């Protein structure tokens, strides 16, 4: 039972598989077709999954069997096809049973195998090396993110943000210069006041106590107060400068905040786009990068598995090709040629019967036409005879002799009979 099932899967007639070698052959072809159906189902589902950016849609298990059924149907058509030679049907020479295999049929199957090796085998290999591919994609994405920071919208936003920061730094530098000068003057005023205190205690240059007006101590105090006044003026100038810069600072701060938000948004968008670039094409590119950079570690294994799956893809048709002219094909050819020969003989007999019927029909029609023409001629002769007899009876002199009836008999459509003519002559 299992043998007949495998033969039906291979699309061959189990009753014509009589030898052990043919049973082994077509059992193997049936097993290969079943294995390829499973392989094509998983590969088609993997291709749909890779095309959907590995979102694992449930309907991928509906597409996979459809793809497998299409390829298996083609293989069954090739395997179950026997190239029967319908020429010289009456010949018993074994060389006349089968035609030579056409290269186009198998070349088309080979092209389909290579096509499915790309469409079906590649997603399976990508799933096999998923960890290595993810690591490679992470490196590529980091490089793309770094490159995106130095160009595009982020670079333009960063350049403008730098200009705003320079303007703010320039304004801060102006204010800082005024406040620094004010601080320096206050520091100098403190030093002078400290010197005045020391001089009033007799520790200064004058070596006198007290601080009389016009003395050295008084002069130091006046200078200290003058420096304090200058520092206050500088602080006031710095405050006025800050007031004048307030509107520009507010505008720059708002623009800086907006640019910072835009840069953050653009970085988020870039990161999302870059991270999303992990579909079938990106993974295939990463796979080929791994194959080229580590051929003996990954490339050889990748090529070996790919060739193995391609061999599985072509196994059924390959066995069919190398077994051309086996006992099964000769048996099918003999039976088909016998039926065709019987049909040809029957058709030829039908053609002969049709020709005989046509000839008989045409003969009957010709005889009918001839008889009708003869009857018309006989009637004409009878009329002439009656007219002559009437003329002879009335006028008393005979008419000139009429033409003999035998002249009319020479016409090809008339039948040679003289029964009616003789009766008229009498």
Foldseek 3Di string as FASTA:
>chain_A
DVLVVLLVLLQADVVLQDDPVSSVLSSVLSVLLVVQLVLQLQLQLLLVCLQVLNPNDPCSSVRSNVRSVVLSVLLSVLSHDFAAQQPPLVDPDLVNGHDDDDVVSVVVLLVVLVVCLVRRVLSVVLVVCVVLLVVLLVVVLVVLLVVVCCDDPNVVLVVVLVVLVVVVVVLVVVLVVLLVLLVVLLVQLVVLLVLLVCVLCLNHDVSHHHDDPPDPSNVSNVSSVVSNVSSVVSNVVSVVSCVVCVVVVVVSVVSSVVSVVVSVVVSVVSSVVSVSPNGDVSSSVSLVVCCVVCVVVRVVVSVVVSVVSSCSSCVSVVSSNVCRPPSSSSSVSNVVSVVVVVVVVVVVVVVVVVVVVVVVVVVVVLLVQQDVVVVVVLVVVLVVLVVQVVCCVVVVDGDDDDDDCVVVVPDPSHDDDCPSVVVSVD
